[in-house]
PDB file of N, CA and C in Angstrom:
ATOM      1  N   MET A   1     135.786  76.068 110.398  1.00  0.00           N
ATOM      2  CA  MET A   1     134.374  76.383 110.301  1.00  0.00           C
ATOM      3  C   MET A   1     134.165  77.864 110.604  1.00  0.00           C
ATOM      4  N   ASN A   2     133.277  78.451 109.887  1.00  0.00           N
ATOM      5  CA  ASN A   2     133.011  79.871 110.025  1.00  0.00           C
ATOM      6  C   ASN A   2     132.181  80.141 111.283  1.00  0.00           C
ATOM      7  N   TRP A   3     132.617  81.084 112.111  1.00  0.00           N
ATOM      8  CA  TRP A   3     131.913  81.360 113.365  1.00  0.00           C
ATOM      9  C   TRP A   3     130.590  82.056 113.119  1.00  0.00           C
ATOM     10  N   LYS A   4     130.431  82.738 111.979  1.00  0.00           N
ATOM     11  CA  LYS A   4     129.163  83.419 111.692  1.00  0.00           C
ATOM     12  C   LYS A   4     128.029  82.422 111.469  1.00  0.00           C
ATOM     13  N   GLN A   5     128.360  81.233 110.975  1.00  0.00           N
ATOM     14  CA  GLN A   5     127.336  80.219 110.779  1.00  0.00           C
ATOM     15  C   GLN A   5     126.818  79.694 112.111  1.00  0.00           C
ATOM     16  N   ASN A   6     127.646  79.741 113.128  1.00  0.00           N
ATOM     17  CA  ASN A   6     127.280  79.211 114.441  1.00  0.00           C
ATOM     18  C   ASN A   6     126.986  80.300 115.463  1.00  0.00           C
ATOM     19  N   LEU A   7     126.734  81.515 115.022  1.00  0.00           N
ATOM     20  CA  LEU A   7     126.515  82.627 115.947  1.00  0.00           C
ATOM     21  C   LEU A   7     125.299  82.395 116.829  1.00  0.00           C
ATOM     22  N   GLY A   8     124.228  81.850 116.276  1.00  0.00           N
ATOM     23  CA  GLY A   8     123.025  81.581 117.063  1.00  0.00           C
ATOM     24  C   GLY A   8     123.277  80.565 118.157  1.00  0.00           C
ATOM     25  N   ILE A   9     123.988  79.504 117.814  1.00  0.00           N
ATOM     26  CA  ILE A   9     124.305  78.470 118.813  1.00  0.00           C
ATOM     27  C   ILE A   9     125.225  79.034 119.889  1.00  0.00           C
ATOM     28  N   ILE A  10     126.177  79.877 119.494  1.00  0.00           N
ATOM     29  CA  ILE A  10     127.080  80.490 120.468  1.00  0.00           C
ATOM     30  C   ILE A  10     126.296  81.363 121.441  1.00  0.00           C
ATOM     31  N   LEU A  11     125.331  82.125 120.938  1.00  0.00           N
ATOM     32  CA  LEU A  11     124.526  82.978 121.817  1.00  0.00           C
ATOM     33  C   LEU A  11     123.661  82.151 122.764  1.00  0.00           C
ATOM     34  N   ILE A  12     123.114  81.053 122.276  1.00  0.00           N
ATOM     35  CA  ILE A  12     122.296  80.189 123.136  1.00  0.00           C
ATOM     36  C   ILE A  12     123.141  79.606 124.257  1.00  0.00           C
ATOM     37  N   VAL A  13     124.327  79.119 123.917  1.00  0.00           N
ATOM     38  CA  VAL A  13     125.221  78.545 124.933  1.00  0.00           C
ATOM     39  C   VAL A  13     125.672  79.621 125.915  1.00  0.00           C
ATOM     40  N   LEU A  14     125.951  80.828 125.422  1.00  0.00           N
ATOM     41  CA  LEU A  14     126.360  81.926 126.301  1.00  0.00           C
ATOM     42  C   LEU A  14     125.252  82.277 127.294  1.00  0.00           C
ATOM     43  N   GLY A  15     124.008  82.332 126.819  1.00  0.00           N
ATOM     44  CA  GLY A  15     122.892  82.610 127.719  1.00  0.00           C
ATOM     45  C   GLY A  15     122.710  81.521 128.756  1.00  0.00           C
ATOM     46  N   ALA A  16     122.874  80.273 128.337  1.00  0.00           N
ATOM     47  CA  ALA A  16     122.748  79.164 129.285  1.00  0.00           C
ATOM     48  C   ALA A  16     123.879  79.203 130.312  1.00  0.00           C
ATOM     49  N   LEU A  17     125.084  79.529 129.876  1.00  0.00           N
ATOM     50  CA  LEU A  17     126.195  79.640 130.820  1.00  0.00           C
ATOM     51  C   LEU A  17     125.976  80.772 131.821  1.00  0.00           C
ATOM     52  N   LEU A  18     125.388  81.872 131.364  1.00  0.00           N
ATOM     53  CA  LEU A  18     125.069  82.961 132.291  1.00  0.00           C
ATOM     54  C   LEU A  18     124.064  82.516 133.348  1.00  0.00           C
ATOM     55  N   LEU A  19     123.075  81.723 132.942  1.00  0.00           N
ATOM     56  CA  LEU A  19     122.113  81.214 133.916  1.00  0.00           C
ATOM     57  C   LEU A  19     122.777  80.278 134.920  1.00  0.00           C
ATOM     58  N   ILE A  20     123.684  79.441 134.451  1.00  0.00           N
ATOM     59  CA  ILE A  20     124.392  78.511 135.350  1.00  0.00           C
ATOM     60  C   ILE A  20     125.279  79.279 136.312  1.00  0.00           C
ATOM     61  N   VAL A  21     126.009  80.270 135.794  1.00  0.00           N
ATOM     62  CA  VAL A  21     126.893  81.069 136.657  1.00  0.00           C
ATOM     63  C   VAL A  21     126.074  81.851 137.682  1.00  0.00           C
ATOM     64  N   SER A  22     124.935  82.404 137.261  1.00  0.00           N
ATOM     65  CA  SER A  22     124.119  83.162 138.208  1.00  0.00           C
ATOM     66  C   SER A  22     123.551  82.256 139.302  1.00  0.00           C
ATOM     67  N   TYR A  23     123.317  80.997 138.973  1.00  0.00           N
ATOM     68  CA  TYR A  23     122.831  80.056 139.989  1.00  0.00           C
ATOM     69  C   TYR A  23     123.910  79.771 141.023  1.00  0.00           C
ATOM     70  N   PHE A  24     125.123  79.487 140.570  1.00  0.00           N
ATOM     71  CA  PHE A  24     126.185  79.129 141.499  1.00  0.00           C
ATOM     72  C   PHE A  24     126.771  80.341 142.216  1.00  0.00           C
ATOM     73  N   ALA A  25     126.628  81.528 141.650  1.00  0.00           N
ATOM     74  CA  ALA A  25     127.121  82.745 142.288  1.00  0.00           C
ATOM     75  C   ALA A  25     126.051  83.380 143.171  1.00  0.00           C
ATOM     76  N   ASP A  26     124.921  82.685 143.355  1.00  0.00           N
ATOM     77  CA  ASP A  26     123.815  83.133 144.193  1.00  0.00           C
ATOM     78  C   ASP A  26     123.259  84.483 143.716  1.00  0.00           C
ATOM     79  N   LEU A  27     123.101  84.608 142.399  1.00  0.00           N
ATOM     80  CA  LEU A  27     122.535  85.816 141.808  1.00  0.00           C
ATOM     81  C   LEU A  27     121.153  85.561 141.232  1.00  0.00           C
ATOM     82  N   VAL A  28     120.516  84.470 141.648  1.00  0.00           N
ATOM     83  CA  VAL A  28     119.236  84.082 141.076  1.00  0.00           C
ATOM     84  C   VAL A  28     118.143  85.087 141.442  1.00  0.00           C
ATOM     85  N   ASP A  29     118.279  85.744 142.576  1.00  0.00           N
ATOM     86  CA  ASP A  29     117.245  86.679 143.016  1.00  0.00           C
ATOM     87  C   ASP A  29     117.288  88.006 142.267  1.00  0.00           C
ATOM     88  N   PHE A  30     118.384  88.258 141.531  1.00  0.00           N
ATOM     89  CA  PHE A  30     118.486  89.492 140.751  1.00  0.00           C
ATOM     90  C   PHE A  30     117.925  89.236 139.358  1.00  0.00           C
ATOM     91  N   ASN A  31     116.790  89.849 139.076  1.00  0.00           N
ATOM     92  CA  ASN A  31     116.073  89.546 137.842  1.00  0.00           C
ATOM     93  C   ASN A  31     116.794  89.995 136.581  1.00  0.00           C
ATOM     94  N   PHE A  32     117.643  91.035 136.663  1.00  0.00           N
ATOM     95  CA  PHE A  32     118.272  91.524 135.444  1.00  0.00           C
ATOM     96  C   PHE A  32     119.276  90.524 134.885  1.00  0.00           C
ATOM     97  N   TYR A  33     119.888  89.685 135.718  1.00  0.00           N
ATOM     98  CA  TYR A  33     120.758  88.621 135.192  1.00  0.00           C
ATOM     99  C   TYR A  33     119.927  87.593 134.436  1.00  0.00           C
ATOM    100  N   ASN A  34     118.818  87.203 135.031  1.00  0.00           N
ATOM    101  CA  ASN A  34     117.964  86.188 134.399  1.00  0.00           C
ATOM    102  C   ASN A  34     117.319  86.711 133.123  1.00  0.00           C
ATOM    103  N   VAL A  35     116.852  87.939 133.142  1.00  0.00           N
ATOM    104  CA  VAL A  35     116.228  88.529 131.953  1.00  0.00           C
ATOM    105  C   VAL A  35     117.271  88.734 130.861  1.00  0.00           C
ATOM    106  N   GLY A  36     118.467  89.157 131.237  1.00  0.00           N
ATOM    107  CA  GLY A  36     119.542  89.323 130.261  1.00  0.00           C
ATOM    108  C   GLY A  36     119.911  88.004 129.599  1.00  0.00           C
ATOM    109  N   ALA A  37     120.016  86.953 130.392  1.00  0.00           N
ATOM    110  CA  ALA A  37     120.324  85.634 129.842  1.00  0.00           C
ATOM    111  C   ALA A  37     119.191  85.143 128.948  1.00  0.00           C
ATOM    112  N   LEU A  38     117.945  85.396 129.347  1.00  0.00           N
ATOM    113  CA  LEU A  38     116.800  85.006 128.527  1.00  0.00           C
ATOM    114  C   LEU A  38     116.807  85.741 127.193  1.00  0.00           C
ATOM    115  N   LEU A  39     117.110  87.034 127.208  1.00  0.00           N
ATOM    116  CA  LEU A  39     117.152  87.796 125.963  1.00  0.00           C
ATOM    117  C   LEU A  39     118.278  87.318 125.046  1.00  0.00           C
ATOM    118  N   ILE A  40     119.406  86.937 125.630  1.00  0.00           N
ATOM    119  CA  ILE A  40     120.505  86.405 124.826  1.00  0.00           C
ATOM    120  C   ILE A  40     120.111  85.072 124.202  1.00  0.00           C
ATOM    121  N   ILE A  41     119.420  84.230 124.949  1.00  0.00           N
ATOM    122  CA  ILE A  41     118.975  82.938 124.412  1.00  0.00           C
ATOM    123  C   ILE A  41     117.962  83.155 123.286  1.00  0.00           C
ATOM    124  N   ILE A  42     117.015  84.065 123.479  1.00  0.00           N
ATOM    125  CA  ILE A  42     116.020  84.339 122.436  1.00  0.00           C
ATOM    126  C   ILE A  42     116.690  84.912 121.196  1.00  0.00           C
ATOM    127  N   ALA A  43     117.653  85.819 121.385  1.00  0.00           N
ATOM    128  CA  ALA A  43     118.385  86.373 120.247  1.00  0.00           C
ATOM    129  C   ALA A  43     119.154  85.275 119.516  1.00  0.00           C
ATOM    130  N   GLY A  44     119.698  84.326 120.267  1.00  0.00           N
ATOM    131  CA  GLY A  44     120.401  83.211 119.650  1.00  0.00           C
ATOM    132  C   GLY A  44     119.477  82.326 118.836  1.00  0.00           C
ATOM    133  N   ILE A  45     118.285  82.079 119.347  1.00  0.00           N
ATOM    134  CA  ILE A  45     117.319  81.248 118.612  1.00  0.00           C
ATOM    135  C   ILE A  45     116.897  81.948 117.322  1.00  0.00           C
ATOM    136  N   VAL A  46     116.590  83.241 117.403  1.00  0.00           N
ATOM    137  CA  VAL A  46     116.172  83.994 116.220  1.00  0.00           C
ATOM    138  C   VAL A  46     117.318  84.058 115.210  1.00  0.00           C
ATOM    139  N   THR A  47     118.543  84.295 115.680  1.00  0.00           N
ATOM    140  CA  THR A  47     119.701  84.345 114.794  1.00  0.00           C
ATOM    141  C   THR A  47     119.932  83.005 114.127  1.00  0.00           C
ATOM    142  N   HIS A  48     119.813  81.933 114.881  1.00  0.00           N
ATOM    143  CA  HIS A  48     120.020  80.605 114.311  1.00  0.00           C
ATOM    144  C   HIS A  48     118.980  80.305 113.234  1.00  0.00           C
ATOM    145  N   ILE A  49     117.734  80.652 113.477  1.00  0.00           N
ATOM    146  CA  ILE A  49     116.688  80.431 112.476  1.00  0.00           C
ATOM    147  C   ILE A  49     116.943  81.272 111.226  1.00  0.00           C
ATOM    148  N   ALA A  50     117.329  82.541 111.425  1.00  0.00           N
ATOM    149  CA  ALA A  50     117.584  83.413 110.277  1.00  0.00           C
ATOM    150  C   ALA A  50     118.770  82.911 109.464  1.00  0.00           C
ATOM    151  N   MET A  51     119.836  82.481 110.116  1.00  0.00           N
ATOM    152  CA  MET A  51     121.015  81.993 109.396  1.00  0.00           C
ATOM    153  C   MET A  51     120.721  80.675 108.683  1.00  0.00           C
ATOM    154  N   THR A  52     119.889  79.846 109.281  1.00  0.00           N
ATOM    155  CA  THR A  52     119.540  78.567 108.662  1.00  0.00           C
ATOM    156  C   THR A  52     118.688  78.786 107.410  1.00  0.00           C
ATOM    157  N   LYS A  53     117.776  79.760 107.462  1.00  0.00           N
ATOM    158  CA  LYS A  53     116.931  80.030 106.299  1.00  0.00           C
ATOM    159  C   LYS A  53     117.735  80.649 105.166  1.00  0.00           C
ATOM    160  N   ARG A  54     118.780  81.409 105.481  1.00  0.00           N
ATOM    161  CA  ARG A  54     119.613  82.033 104.455  1.00  0.00           C
ATOM    162  C   ARG A  54     120.411  81.008 103.668  1.00  0.00           C
ATOM    163  N   SER A  55     120.916  80.018 104.351  1.00  0.00           N
ATOM    164  CA  SER A  55     121.798  79.055 103.672  1.00  0.00           C
ATOM    165  C   SER A  55     121.035  77.886 103.100  1.00  0.00           C
TER     166      SER A  55
END
């Protein structure tokens, strides 16, 4: 399977994993980790929608 077709899903999972790691590493109080993970998730959603509309 082509990884470019699943790039949006990969970004969403990566952002979610960053949120989980920041929780267990006690980095929840640092906003830049949370904002970075949120931006990665949003980019993944937009990428997934764009790739789905193309195909």
